[in-house]
Amino acid sequence: MSEQTSIPADPELDPTASYATDQSVIRRLSGLLRATAGTRTSYAPATGQPIADLPVSSPDDVLGAVRSARRTQSTWRRVPLDERAAILLRYHDLVLDHRHELVDLVIRESGKARKQAFEEVAHVALTARYYGRKAHELLDPQRKLGMFPVLTRAEQRYVPKGVVGIISPWNYPLSMAMADGLPAVLAGNAVVHKPDSQTPLTALRAIELLYDAGLPREAWVPVNGDGPTVGGAIIQNTDYICFTGSTKTGRLVAKQAGERLIGCSLELGGKNPMLVLRDADVNRAAEGAVRACFASAGQLCVSMERLYVADQVYDAFVTAFVDRVNKLRLSAGTGWDVDMGSLISKDQLETVSRHVDDAKAKGAVVLAGGKARPDIGPLFYEPTVLSGVTPAMECFDNETFGPVVSIYRFSDESEAIQRANEGEYGLNASVYTRDARRGRAIAAQLVAGTVNVNEGYAATFGSIDTPMGGMRASGLGRRQGAEGIRRYVDPQAIATQRLLPIAASHGIPDETYAELMTGALRVLKKLGRA
């Protein structure tokens, strides 16, 4: 929301008249920031209530943060891996111990429902435990095949990049703030982190808990401010960039990183498809589709925006799905009984409204929802299901990033796969079928970094041992799994040669050496050596 110039005087009549957060907590968390360039007010999207006035960082503050982190990293990288891993395992417990506080912060800053806010707590705990337990497997030096048995010993080491810049989004203010940085610090890097300026408090409290778990304060330095100024300064001064956000901004981040010849990982936009096959359990698919489409009010990179449903089950599925959508409970409340919360900003509300209004004007049919709900809160929009969406409509292939899904009928599975693969994105997909083997076979034909069978997004999202990220315009690199930590290190090869050099020696002519080498290579092939 835009900044307000004054605070009304009567909090009993106007929720925007008082702050939503204990100001002593704000002062404590503000002290974690490297920021000297004024203040910015953040607001609760569900109610419009001001949350906090937080200091804003300047480019010089970012430069100071990077310098401080770099000094700390030179020592931190030499801390034994077991000690670094132990910090993550302690953090796992602290996150769970403080789950209610963290969930409350997520709700307040993002407007999402409690059940989706808890998913963030679970994801951060899973990530911390996975990398804490897998540290040696993923980071210890590895023996490799040398050029010649016995004569050549080769090994691979993993060298931390240095200072990793993380620019995290507002839609998952806890999970995306921490899940990318935990493997970075485990690998021996330091982090300079800009959480989104709409949701900074969640990240700051989570970082504070990481300090409590034992991480040196200057090994993870938070800054605050807008993307072009503060994010740009991070890109210009760190050694690797991790960014989650829109494809448009991701292209700019990649360009700037490329100009400096530093690496980057980018999780970007999606127009994610779900396929409901002819043998799907209709009720299970309808229940799963509701969660997949409307979790976090559709403001989830991996949420479904396109449903392709087989002729044989189309009518039954649509009836079951729309019935469940119409029963979703929208509320600005913070209890477990809320099914869907608020959009994050006026801009998001305008995008959702524009997409739906454009579709309706061009002939789409609204099966559920279709309008804003200012009676609930300033940024609420009903969960909306559209049919009859055509390529002429803005929502057909543009990401809405809100509670809007289009539903399509298909008669041939190969056609459905082709349609699901259309467009520039390739982030997440889903297949519902009673035949899990056939579901996996179809999943393998979909152009998406993650595909869930009989689930919308949580199966891959929660399986930390598997990589997560996008194909095509949905991004570069991966979080989670081995790829999620090895993006933050440079592999280094060390080879030791024994007895004989790999060159002509002892008076052997070069031509004779070449023939001897040829014979040796043929023998090694016959012995089955790679």
Protein backbone atom coordinates (compact mmCIF):
# COMPACT_ATOMS: atom_id res chain seq x y z
CA MET A 1 0.00 0.00 0.00
CA SER A 2 1.07 3.59 -0.45
CA GLU A 3 2.48 5.37 2.55
CA GLN A 4 0.04 7.34 4.69
CA THR A 5 0.88 10.86 5.73
CA SER A 6 -0.94 10.88 9.08
CA ILE A 7 -2.34 8.43 11.62
CA PRO A 8 -6.00 8.86 12.70
CA ALA A 9 -6.47 9.50 16.38
CA ASP A 10 -9.13 6.98 17.39
CA PRO A 11 -7.99 3.32 17.16
CA GLU A 12 -11.33 2.07 18.48
CA LEU A 13 -13.06 3.34 15.34
CA ASP A 14 -10.29 3.01 12.76
CA PRO A 15 -7.83 0.07 12.65
CA THR A 16 -5.31 2.26 10.85
CA ALA A 17 -5.09 4.57 13.86
CA SER A 18 -2.60 2.45 15.77
CA TYR A 19 0.35 0.20 15.00
CA ALA A 20 -0.22 -3.53 14.64
CA THR A 21 3.06 -4.48 16.29
CA ASP A 22 4.62 -3.81 19.69
CA GLN A 23 6.98 -0.91 19.06
CA SER A 24 9.58 -2.28 21.46
CA VAL A 25 9.84 -5.30 19.16
CA ILE A 26 10.18 -2.96 16.17
CA ARG A 27 13.02 -1.08 17.83
CA ARG A 28 14.83 -4.31 18.63
CA LEU A 29 14.51 -5.69 15.11
CA SER A 30 15.38 -2.32 13.55
CA GLY A 31 18.72 -2.58 15.29
CA LEU A 32 19.61 -5.55 13.10
CA LEU A 33 19.48 -3.47 9.93
CA ARG A 34 22.37 -1.67 8.28
CA ALA A 35 20.28 1.40 7.40
CA THR A 36 20.73 5.17 7.71
CA ALA A 37 18.60 6.68 4.88
CA GLY A 38 15.36 7.64 6.57
CA THR A 39 12.37 5.42 7.37
CA ARG A 40 9.58 3.65 5.55
CA THR A 41 6.20 2.59 6.94
CA SER A 42 4.84 -0.87 6.21
CA TYR A 43 1.14 -1.77 6.42
CA ALA A 44 -0.92 -4.87 7.07
CA PRO A 45 -2.58 -5.69 3.72
CA ALA A 46 -5.62 -7.36 5.31
CA THR A 47 -6.63 -4.30 7.34
CA GLY A 48 -4.56 -1.32 6.21
CA GLN A 49 -3.16 -0.99 9.73
CA PRO A 50 0.41 0.38 9.95
CA ILE A 51 2.88 -2.24 11.15
CA ALA A 52 6.20 -0.49 11.56
CA ASP A 53 8.41 2.44 10.64
CA LEU A 54 11.70 0.84 9.69
CA PRO A 55 14.97 2.47 8.66
CA VAL A 56 15.89 2.36 4.99
CA SER A 57 19.32 1.50 3.63
CA SER A 58 21.38 3.54 1.20
CA PRO A 59 23.85 2.17 -1.37
CA ASP A 60 26.62 3.14 1.05
CA ASP A 61 24.91 1.10 3.77
CA VAL A 62 24.87 -1.89 1.42
CA LEU A 63 28.53 -1.41 0.63
CA GLY A 64 29.30 -1.29 4.35
CA ALA A 65 27.24 -4.42 4.92
CA VAL A 66 29.14 -6.27 2.19
CA ARG A 67 32.50 -5.18 3.56
CA SER A 68 31.55 -6.30 7.05
CA ALA A 69 30.21 -9.60 5.77
CA ARG A 70 33.36 -10.17 3.74
CA ARG A 71 35.58 -9.69 6.77
CA THR A 72 33.48 -12.15 8.76
CA GLN A 73 33.36 -14.65 5.89
CA SER A 74 37.13 -14.95 5.84
CA THR A 75 36.90 -16.40 9.36
CA TRP A 76 33.53 -18.13 9.06
CA ARG A 77 34.64 -20.29 6.13
CA ARG A 78 37.30 -21.85 8.38
CA VAL A 79 34.82 -22.83 11.11
CA PRO A 80 34.59 -26.66 11.07
CA LEU A 81 31.69 -27.95 9.03
CA ASP A 82 30.27 -29.84 12.03
CA GLU A 83 29.96 -26.57 13.95
CA ARG A 84 28.24 -24.83 11.05
CA ALA A 85 25.84 -27.76 10.66
CA ALA A 86 25.07 -27.73 14.39
CA ILE A 87 23.88 -24.12 14.09
CA LEU A 88 21.35 -25.15 11.44
CA LEU A 89 20.10 -28.02 13.58
CA ARG A 90 19.68 -25.71 16.57
CA TYR A 91 17.89 -23.27 14.27
CA HIS A 92 15.47 -26.04 13.26
CA ASP A 93 14.37 -26.32 16.89
CA LEU A 94 14.19 -22.57 17.47
CA VAL A 95 11.97 -22.06 14.42
CA LEU A 96 9.57 -24.72 15.67
CA ASP A 97 9.68 -23.38 19.22
CA HIS A 98 8.75 -19.88 17.95
CA ARG A 99 6.30 -21.08 15.30
CA HIS A 100 3.31 -19.15 16.66
CA GLU A 101 5.19 -15.86 16.74
CA LEU A 102 6.58 -16.41 13.23
CA VAL A 103 3.19 -17.40 11.84
CA ASP A 104 1.63 -14.27 13.37
CA LEU A 105 4.27 -12.10 11.67
CA VAL A 106 3.72 -13.79 8.32
CA ILE A 107 -0.04 -13.23 8.59
CA ARG A 108 0.35 -9.62 9.62
CA GLU A 109 2.78 -8.70 6.85
CA SER A 110 1.48 -10.81 3.96
CA GLY A 111 -2.24 -11.12 4.74
CA LYS A 112 -2.30 -14.87 4.09
CA ALA A 113 -4.31 -17.44 6.02
CA ARG A 114 -2.78 -19.15 9.04
CA LYS A 115 -2.64 -22.61 7.49
CA GLN A 116 -0.51 -21.29 4.61
CA ALA A 117 1.65 -19.24 6.97
CA PHE A 118 2.45 -22.41 8.91
CA GLU A 119 3.69 -24.03 5.67
CA GLU A 120 6.51 -21.47 5.73
CA VAL A 121 7.58 -22.48 9.23
CA ALA A 122 7.58 -26.14 8.24
CA HIS A 123 9.57 -25.45 5.07
CA VAL A 124 12.28 -23.49 6.89
CA ALA A 125 12.59 -26.21 9.54
CA LEU A 126 12.80 -28.93 6.86
CA THR A 127 15.48 -26.96 5.02
CA ALA A 128 17.58 -26.37 8.13
CA ARG A 129 17.40 -30.03 9.15
CA TYR A 130 18.14 -31.35 5.65
CA TYR A 131 21.28 -29.29 5.13
CA GLY A 132 22.39 -29.74 8.74
CA ARG A 133 22.21 -33.52 8.35
CA LYS A 134 23.60 -33.66 4.79
CA ALA A 135 26.47 -31.23 5.27
CA HIS A 136 29.33 -33.71 4.91
CA GLU A 137 27.71 -35.64 2.07
CA LEU A 138 27.23 -32.44 0.08
CA LEU A 139 30.39 -30.49 0.93
CA ASP A 140 33.21 -32.89 1.82
CA PRO A 141 36.05 -33.24 -0.72
CA GLN A 142 35.43 -36.10 -3.16
CA ARG A 143 37.88 -38.49 -4.74
CA LYS A 144 37.65 -38.52 -8.54
CA LEU A 145 39.10 -40.70 -11.27
CA GLY A 146 42.62 -39.63 -12.10
CA MET A 147 43.98 -39.83 -15.62
CA PHE A 148 45.88 -43.03 -14.84
CA PRO A 149 45.21 -45.56 -12.04
CA VAL A 150 47.75 -45.30 -9.20
CA LEU A 151 49.80 -42.69 -11.06
CA THR A 152 47.24 -39.89 -10.83
CA ARG A 153 45.25 -38.99 -7.72
CA ALA A 154 42.40 -36.49 -8.32
CA GLU A 155 39.97 -34.89 -5.91
CA GLN A 156 37.33 -32.19 -5.95
CA ARG A 157 36.85 -29.57 -3.27
CA TYR A 158 34.10 -27.00 -2.79
CA VAL A 159 35.20 -23.40 -2.25
CA PRO A 160 32.62 -20.89 -0.96
CA LYS A 161 31.82 -17.99 -3.29
CA GLY A 162 32.32 -15.32 -0.62
CA VAL A 163 29.41 -12.95 0.02
CA VAL A 164 26.04 -14.07 -1.32
CA GLY A 165 23.39 -11.45 -2.04
CA ILE A 166 19.82 -12.58 -1.42
CA ILE A 167 16.82 -10.58 -2.62
CA SER A 168 13.72 -12.32 -1.26
CA PRO A 169 10.03 -11.70 -2.11
CA TRP A 170 6.96 -10.67 -0.17
CA ASN A 171 4.74 -13.64 -0.97
CA TYR A 172 6.61 -16.14 1.24
CA PRO A 173 8.35 -13.71 3.64
CA LEU A 174 9.71 -16.41 5.97
CA SER A 175 10.37 -19.36 3.70
CA MET A 176 11.96 -17.49 0.80
CA ALA A 177 13.89 -15.24 3.17
CA MET A 178 15.62 -18.12 4.94
CA ALA A 179 15.56 -21.25 2.79
CA ASP A 180 18.03 -19.86 0.26
CA GLY A 181 20.42 -18.39 2.81
CA LEU A 182 20.76 -21.41 5.12
CA PRO A 183 22.74 -23.53 2.61
CA ALA A 184 24.77 -20.46 1.68
CA VAL A 185 26.09 -19.95 5.22
CA LEU A 186 26.52 -23.69 5.76
CA ALA A 187 28.80 -23.73 2.70
CA GLY A 188 31.01 -21.08 4.31
CA ASN A 189 29.63 -17.93 2.71
CA ALA A 190 28.34 -14.79 4.35
CA VAL A 191 24.99 -13.27 3.30
CA VAL A 192 23.79 -9.74 2.66
CA HIS A 193 20.02 -9.94 2.47
CA LYS A 194 17.30 -7.59 1.30
CA PRO A 195 13.85 -8.89 2.23
CA ASP A 196 11.00 -7.28 0.35
CA SER A 197 10.20 -3.86 1.80
CA GLN A 198 6.55 -4.88 2.26
CA THR A 199 7.44 -7.79 4.58
CA PRO A 200 10.74 -7.06 6.37
CA LEU A 201 9.80 -7.90 9.96
CA THR A 202 9.28 -11.62 9.38
CA ALA A 203 12.74 -11.92 7.87
CA LEU A 204 14.35 -9.86 10.63
CA ARG A 205 12.85 -12.02 13.38
CA ALA A 206 13.93 -15.16 11.57
CA ILE A 207 17.47 -13.79 11.18
CA GLU A 208 17.52 -12.90 14.88
CA LEU A 209 16.68 -16.51 15.73
CA LEU A 210 19.57 -17.62 13.53
CA TYR A 211 21.88 -15.42 15.58
CA ASP A 212 20.43 -17.07 18.68
CA ALA A 213 21.33 -20.44 17.16
CA GLY A 214 24.97 -19.35 16.99
CA LEU A 215 25.55 -17.69 13.61
CA PRO A 216 27.89 -14.67 13.87
CA ARG A 217 25.88 -11.50 13.35
CA GLU A 218 28.02 -10.21 10.50
CA ALA A 219 27.71 -13.52 8.63
CA TRP A 220 24.13 -12.56 7.68
CA VAL A 221 23.53 -8.82 7.37
CA PRO A 222 20.03 -7.53 6.55
CA VAL A 223 19.38 -4.30 4.68
CA ASN A 224 16.06 -2.64 3.81
CA GLY A 225 14.68 -0.62 0.93
CA ASP A 226 13.43 -0.64 -2.62
CA GLY A 227 14.63 -3.05 -5.28
CA PRO A 228 16.29 -0.72 -7.80
CA THR A 229 18.34 1.14 -5.16
CA VAL A 230 19.16 -1.42 -2.48
CA GLY A 231 18.83 -4.54 -4.62
CA GLY A 232 20.94 -2.93 -7.33
CA ALA A 233 23.68 -2.14 -4.82
CA ILE A 234 23.67 -5.76 -3.64
CA ILE A 235 24.09 -7.02 -7.21
CA GLN A 236 26.97 -4.62 -7.79
CA ASN A 237 28.94 -5.65 -4.69
CA THR A 238 28.37 -9.31 -3.82
CA ASP A 239 29.85 -12.48 -5.32
CA TYR A 240 26.65 -14.37 -6.16
CA ILE A 241 22.98 -13.38 -6.41
CA CYS A 242 19.90 -15.31 -5.37
CA PHE A 243 16.69 -13.62 -6.52
CA THR A 244 13.03 -14.64 -6.36
CA GLY A 245 10.49 -12.49 -8.16
CA SER A 246 9.03 -11.63 -11.53
CA THR A 247 10.49 -12.73 -14.85
CA LYS A 248 10.75 -9.09 -15.94
CA THR A 249 12.93 -8.16 -12.97
CA GLY A 250 14.80 -11.46 -13.18
CA ARG A 251 16.00 -10.61 -16.68
CA LEU A 252 17.46 -7.36 -15.33
CA VAL A 253 19.14 -9.16 -12.43
CA ALA A 254 20.67 -11.72 -14.81
CA LYS A 255 21.93 -8.96 -17.09
CA GLN A 256 23.59 -7.09 -14.24
CA ALA A 257 25.10 -10.28 -12.82
CA GLY A 258 26.36 -11.22 -16.29
CA GLU A 259 28.07 -7.87 -16.71
CA ARG A 260 30.05 -8.60 -13.54
CA LEU A 261 30.62 -12.26 -14.47
CA ILE A 262 29.08 -13.49 -11.23
CA GLY A 263 26.62 -16.34 -10.96
CA CYS A 264 22.95 -16.04 -10.10
CA SER A 265 19.98 -18.27 -9.35
CA LEU A 266 16.54 -16.94 -10.22
CA GLU A 267 13.10 -18.31 -9.40
CA LEU A 268 10.73 -16.34 -11.58
CA GLY A 269 7.17 -16.38 -12.91
CA GLY A 270 4.89 -19.20 -13.96
CA LYS A 271 1.56 -20.00 -15.58
CA ASN A 272 1.35 -23.40 -14.00
CA PRO A 273 -0.90 -26.15 -15.42
CA MET A 274 -2.73 -29.01 -13.72
CA LEU A 275 -3.91 -32.04 -15.74
CA VAL A 276 -6.89 -33.99 -14.40
CA LEU A 277 -6.87 -37.26 -16.34
CA ARG A 278 -9.87 -39.41 -17.22
CA ASP A 279 -9.16 -41.88 -14.39
CA ALA A 280 -8.62 -39.25 -11.69
CA ASP A 281 -10.37 -39.44 -8.34
CA VAL A 282 -12.63 -36.43 -8.89
CA ASN A 283 -13.05 -35.47 -5.25
CA ARG A 284 -9.36 -35.80 -4.49
CA ALA A 285 -8.47 -33.77 -7.58
CA ALA A 286 -11.02 -31.06 -6.74
CA GLU A 287 -9.74 -30.77 -3.17
CA GLY A 288 -6.14 -30.64 -4.35
CA ALA A 289 -6.93 -28.07 -7.02
CA VAL A 290 -8.50 -25.73 -4.45
CA ARG A 291 -5.30 -25.73 -2.41
CA ALA A 292 -3.11 -25.53 -5.51
CA CYS A 293 -4.99 -22.55 -6.95
CA PHE A 294 -5.90 -20.49 -3.90
CA ALA A 295 -3.23 -21.06 -1.24
CA SER A 296 -1.85 -17.66 -0.25
CA ALA A 297 -4.62 -16.12 -2.40
CA GLY A 298 -2.90 -17.47 -5.49
CA GLN A 299 0.21 -15.41 -4.75
CA LEU A 300 2.51 -18.40 -4.91
CA CYS A 301 5.02 -18.88 -7.72
CA VAL A 302 4.08 -22.56 -8.03
CA SER A 303 0.29 -22.18 -7.74
CA MET A 304 -1.98 -23.42 -10.54
CA GLU A 305 -3.52 -20.94 -12.97
CA ARG A 306 -4.62 -23.42 -15.70
CA LEU A 307 -6.69 -26.59 -15.21
CA TYR A 308 -6.97 -29.08 -18.09
CA VAL A 309 -9.69 -31.64 -17.38
CA ALA A 310 -10.51 -34.79 -19.37
CA ASP A 311 -13.93 -35.02 -21.03
CA GLN A 312 -14.82 -38.14 -19.05
CA VAL A 313 -14.64 -36.33 -15.69
CA TYR A 314 -15.04 -32.68 -16.71
CA ASP A 315 -18.60 -32.10 -15.54
CA ALA A 316 -18.16 -33.97 -12.26
CA PHE A 317 -14.86 -32.23 -11.56
CA VAL A 318 -16.19 -28.75 -12.29
CA THR A 319 -19.18 -29.34 -10.02
CA ALA A 320 -17.01 -30.62 -7.18
CA PHE A 321 -14.35 -27.94 -7.66
CA VAL A 322 -16.71 -24.96 -7.90
CA ASP A 323 -18.69 -26.19 -4.90
CA ARG A 324 -15.50 -26.25 -2.81
CA VAL A 325 -14.40 -22.84 -4.09
CA ASN A 326 -17.72 -21.28 -3.16
CA LYS A 327 -17.35 -22.61 0.38
CA LEU A 328 -13.91 -21.08 0.98
CA ARG A 329 -13.90 -18.80 4.00
CA LEU A 330 -12.36 -15.39 3.29
CA SER A 331 -11.39 -13.34 6.30
CA ALA A 332 -8.95 -10.86 7.75
CA GLY A 333 -8.87 -13.00 10.89
CA THR A 334 -5.83 -14.86 12.13
CA GLY A 335 -7.39 -18.17 13.18
CA TRP A 336 -7.18 -21.64 11.68
CA ASP A 337 -10.73 -21.33 10.35
CA VAL A 338 -9.67 -18.89 7.59
CA ASP A 339 -9.21 -20.52 4.16
CA MET A 340 -7.98 -17.55 2.14
CA GLY A 341 -6.60 -14.19 3.10
CA SER A 342 -5.78 -10.93 1.39
CA LEU A 343 -3.79 -9.84 -1.61
CA ILE A 344 -0.60 -8.01 -0.72
CA SER A 345 -1.02 -4.64 -2.42
CA LYS A 346 -3.17 -2.32 -4.48
CA ASP A 347 -1.07 -3.22 -7.53
CA GLN A 348 -1.88 -6.92 -7.10
CA LEU A 349 -5.56 -6.17 -6.67
CA GLU A 350 -5.56 -4.05 -9.82
CA THR A 351 -3.87 -6.82 -11.82
CA VAL A 352 -6.36 -9.45 -10.67
CA SER A 353 -9.33 -7.17 -11.35
CA ARG A 354 -8.01 -6.23 -14.78
CA HIS A 355 -7.47 -9.85 -15.82
CA VAL A 356 -10.95 -10.93 -14.71
CA ASP A 357 -12.73 -7.90 -16.15
CA ASP A 358 -10.92 -8.32 -19.47
CA ALA A 359 -11.87 -12.00 -19.62
CA LYS A 360 -15.52 -11.28 -18.83
CA ALA A 361 -15.68 -8.50 -21.43
CA LYS A 362 -14.36 -10.89 -24.08
CA GLY A 363 -16.79 -13.70 -23.33
CA ALA A 364 -15.33 -15.80 -20.51
CA VAL A 365 -17.82 -17.32 -18.08
CA VAL A 366 -17.36 -16.78 -14.34
CA LEU A 367 -18.08 -20.09 -12.58
CA ALA A 368 -17.16 -18.79 -9.14
CA GLY A 369 -16.04 -15.48 -7.61
CA GLY A 370 -15.21 -12.67 -9.99
CA LYS A 371 -15.16 -9.56 -7.82
CA ALA A 372 -13.28 -7.67 -5.13
CA ARG A 373 -14.50 -7.83 -1.51
CA PRO A 374 -13.79 -4.49 0.17
CA ASP A 375 -16.40 -5.44 2.78
CA ILE A 376 -13.86 -7.93 4.16
CA GLY A 377 -10.73 -5.82 3.75
CA PRO A 378 -9.18 -3.30 1.36
CA LEU A 379 -7.32 -5.88 -0.75
CA PHE A 380 -9.55 -8.95 -0.79
CA TYR A 381 -10.67 -10.61 -4.02
CA GLU A 382 -12.89 -13.65 -4.33
CA PRO A 383 -11.37 -16.97 -5.45
CA THR A 384 -12.34 -16.97 -9.11
CA VAL A 385 -12.87 -19.77 -11.64
CA LEU A 386 -13.21 -18.93 -15.35
CA SER A 387 -14.20 -21.04 -18.32
CA GLY A 388 -14.16 -20.12 -21.99
CA VAL A 389 -10.83 -18.31 -21.71
CA THR A 390 -9.25 -17.70 -25.13
CA PRO A 391 -5.86 -16.44 -26.37
CA ALA A 392 -7.43 -13.00 -26.87
CA MET A 393 -7.75 -12.59 -23.10
CA GLU A 394 -4.99 -11.16 -20.94
CA CYS A 395 -5.19 -13.96 -18.37
CA PHE A 396 -4.73 -16.69 -21.01
CA ASP A 397 -0.93 -16.78 -20.95
CA ASN A 398 0.07 -13.91 -18.64
CA GLU A 399 0.71 -14.71 -15.01
CA THR A 400 -2.06 -13.29 -12.80
CA PHE A 401 -0.43 -14.12 -9.47
CA GLY A 402 -3.73 -13.99 -7.69
CA PRO A 403 -6.83 -16.12 -6.92
CA VAL A 404 -7.84 -16.70 -10.55
CA VAL A 405 -7.80 -19.99 -12.46
CA SER A 406 -8.98 -20.88 -15.98
CA ILE A 407 -10.47 -24.30 -16.67
CA TYR A 408 -10.30 -26.11 -20.03
CA ARG A 409 -11.74 -29.37 -21.36
CA PHE A 410 -9.62 -31.86 -23.32
CA SER A 411 -10.34 -35.14 -25.09
CA ASP A 412 -6.82 -36.32 -25.95
CA GLU A 413 -3.98 -36.55 -23.41
CA SER A 414 -1.29 -35.73 -25.95
CA GLU A 415 -3.21 -32.56 -26.78
CA ALA A 416 -3.45 -31.70 -23.08
CA ILE A 417 0.30 -32.17 -22.64
CA GLN A 418 0.95 -29.95 -25.64
CA ARG A 419 -1.34 -27.23 -24.32
CA ALA A 420 0.18 -27.45 -20.84
CA ASN A 421 3.63 -26.93 -22.38
CA GLU A 422 2.63 -23.84 -24.37
CA GLY A 423 3.91 -20.42 -23.38
CA GLU A 424 7.24 -19.16 -22.14
CA TYR A 425 7.10 -20.47 -18.58
CA GLY A 426 8.07 -23.79 -17.02
CA LEU A 427 8.00 -23.62 -13.23
CA ASN A 428 5.54 -26.13 -11.76
CA ALA A 429 2.88 -28.57 -12.97
CA SER A 430 0.52 -31.19 -11.59
CA VAL A 431 -1.08 -34.44 -12.79
CA TYR A 432 -4.03 -36.19 -11.14
CA THR A 433 -4.66 -39.87 -11.93
CA ARG A 434 -5.38 -43.11 -10.09
CA ASP A 435 -2.45 -44.70 -11.94
CA ALA A 436 0.66 -43.22 -10.33
CA ARG A 437 3.00 -44.87 -12.83
CA ARG A 438 1.12 -43.34 -15.77
CA GLY A 439 1.06 -40.03 -13.91
CA ARG A 440 4.85 -40.07 -13.61
CA ALA A 441 5.19 -40.93 -17.30
CA ILE A 442 3.06 -37.92 -18.25
CA ALA A 443 4.88 -35.76 -15.71
CA ALA A 444 8.14 -36.52 -17.52
CA GLN A 445 6.67 -35.00 -20.69
CA LEU A 446 5.82 -31.68 -19.07
CA VAL A 447 8.19 -28.72 -19.39
CA ALA A 448 8.43 -27.71 -15.75
CA GLY A 449 11.15 -27.75 -13.13
CA THR A 450 8.84 -29.51 -10.67
CA VAL A 451 5.86 -31.77 -11.36
CA ASN A 452 3.58 -33.17 -8.66
CA VAL A 453 1.48 -36.30 -9.15
CA ASN A 454 -1.76 -36.25 -7.14
CA GLU A 455 -0.71 -33.04 -5.41
CA GLY A 456 -0.51 -29.43 -6.50
CA TYR A 457 2.80 -28.12 -5.18
CA ALA A 458 3.50 -29.34 -1.64
CA ALA A 459 5.03 -32.72 -2.58
CA THR A 460 7.98 -31.19 -4.44
CA PHE A 461 8.08 -28.06 -2.26
CA GLY A 462 8.45 -30.18 0.87
CA SER A 463 10.84 -32.78 -0.58
CA ILE A 464 14.02 -30.86 0.21
CA ASP A 465 16.25 -33.58 -1.26
CA THR A 466 14.89 -32.75 -4.73
CA PRO A 467 15.82 -29.60 -6.68
CA MET A 468 13.25 -26.85 -7.15
CA GLY A 469 13.31 -24.20 -9.85
CA GLY A 470 12.15 -23.22 -13.30
CA MET A 471 12.76 -23.99 -16.94
CA ARG A 472 12.62 -21.47 -19.78
CA ALA A 473 11.47 -18.02 -18.58
CA SER A 474 10.71 -19.35 -15.11
CA GLY A 475 14.28 -19.05 -13.97
CA LEU A 476 17.86 -20.27 -13.66
CA GLY A 477 19.42 -22.58 -11.11
CA ARG A 478 17.77 -24.53 -8.32
CA ARG A 479 17.08 -24.29 -4.62
CA GLN A 480 16.91 -27.44 -2.44
CA GLY A 481 18.87 -30.67 -2.81
CA ALA A 482 22.54 -30.84 -3.77
CA GLU A 483 22.02 -28.15 -6.41
CA GLY A 484 20.65 -25.79 -3.76
CA ILE A 485 23.95 -25.66 -1.86
CA ARG A 486 26.46 -26.24 -4.65
CA ARG A 487 25.32 -23.11 -6.45
CA TYR A 488 27.09 -21.26 -3.62
CA VAL A 489 30.48 -22.92 -4.10
CA ASP A 490 33.10 -23.14 -6.82
CA PRO A 491 34.33 -26.68 -7.51
CA GLN A 492 38.09 -26.90 -7.35
CA ALA A 493 40.06 -29.80 -8.83
CA ILE A 494 43.34 -30.90 -7.26
CA ALA A 495 45.35 -33.63 -8.98
CA THR A 496 48.62 -35.15 -7.79
CA GLN A 497 50.85 -36.95 -10.28
CA ARG A 498 53.08 -39.79 -9.02
CA LEU A 499 56.21 -41.41 -10.45
CA LEU A 500 55.86 -40.42 -14.10
CA PRO A 501 54.92 -37.10 -15.68
CA ILE A 502 52.17 -36.93 -18.28
CA ALA A 503 54.67 -36.11 -20.98
CA ALA A 504 57.57 -37.69 -22.82
CA SER A 505 60.44 -38.40 -20.37
CA HIS A 506 63.56 -40.49 -19.83
CA GLY A 507 64.70 -39.76 -23.37
CA ILE A 508 61.58 -41.18 -25.04
CA PRO A 509 60.84 -39.28 -28.30
CA ASP A 510 57.55 -37.42 -28.47
CA GLU A 511 56.29 -39.59 -31.34
CA THR A 512 57.02 -42.77 -29.39
CA TYR A 513 55.34 -41.28 -26.33
CA ALA A 514 52.21 -40.54 -28.39
CA GLU A 515 52.08 -44.19 -29.54
CA LEU A 516 52.53 -45.44 -25.96
CA MET A 517 49.78 -43.12 -24.81
CA THR A 518 47.50 -44.39 -27.59
CA GLY A 519 48.06 -47.99 -26.47
CA ALA A 520 47.41 -47.07 -22.82
CA LEU A 521 44.13 -45.39 -23.69
CA ARG A 522 42.96 -48.47 -25.60
CA VAL A 523 43.82 -50.72 -22.65
CA LEU A 524 41.93 -48.51 -20.21
CA LYS A 525 38.85 -48.68 -22.44
CA LYS A 526 39.02 -52.49 -22.56
CA LEU A 527 39.27 -52.55 -18.77
CA GLY A 528 35.98 -50.62 -18.60
CA ARG A 529 37.45 -47.47 -17.16
CA ALA A 530 35.50 -44.25 -17.72
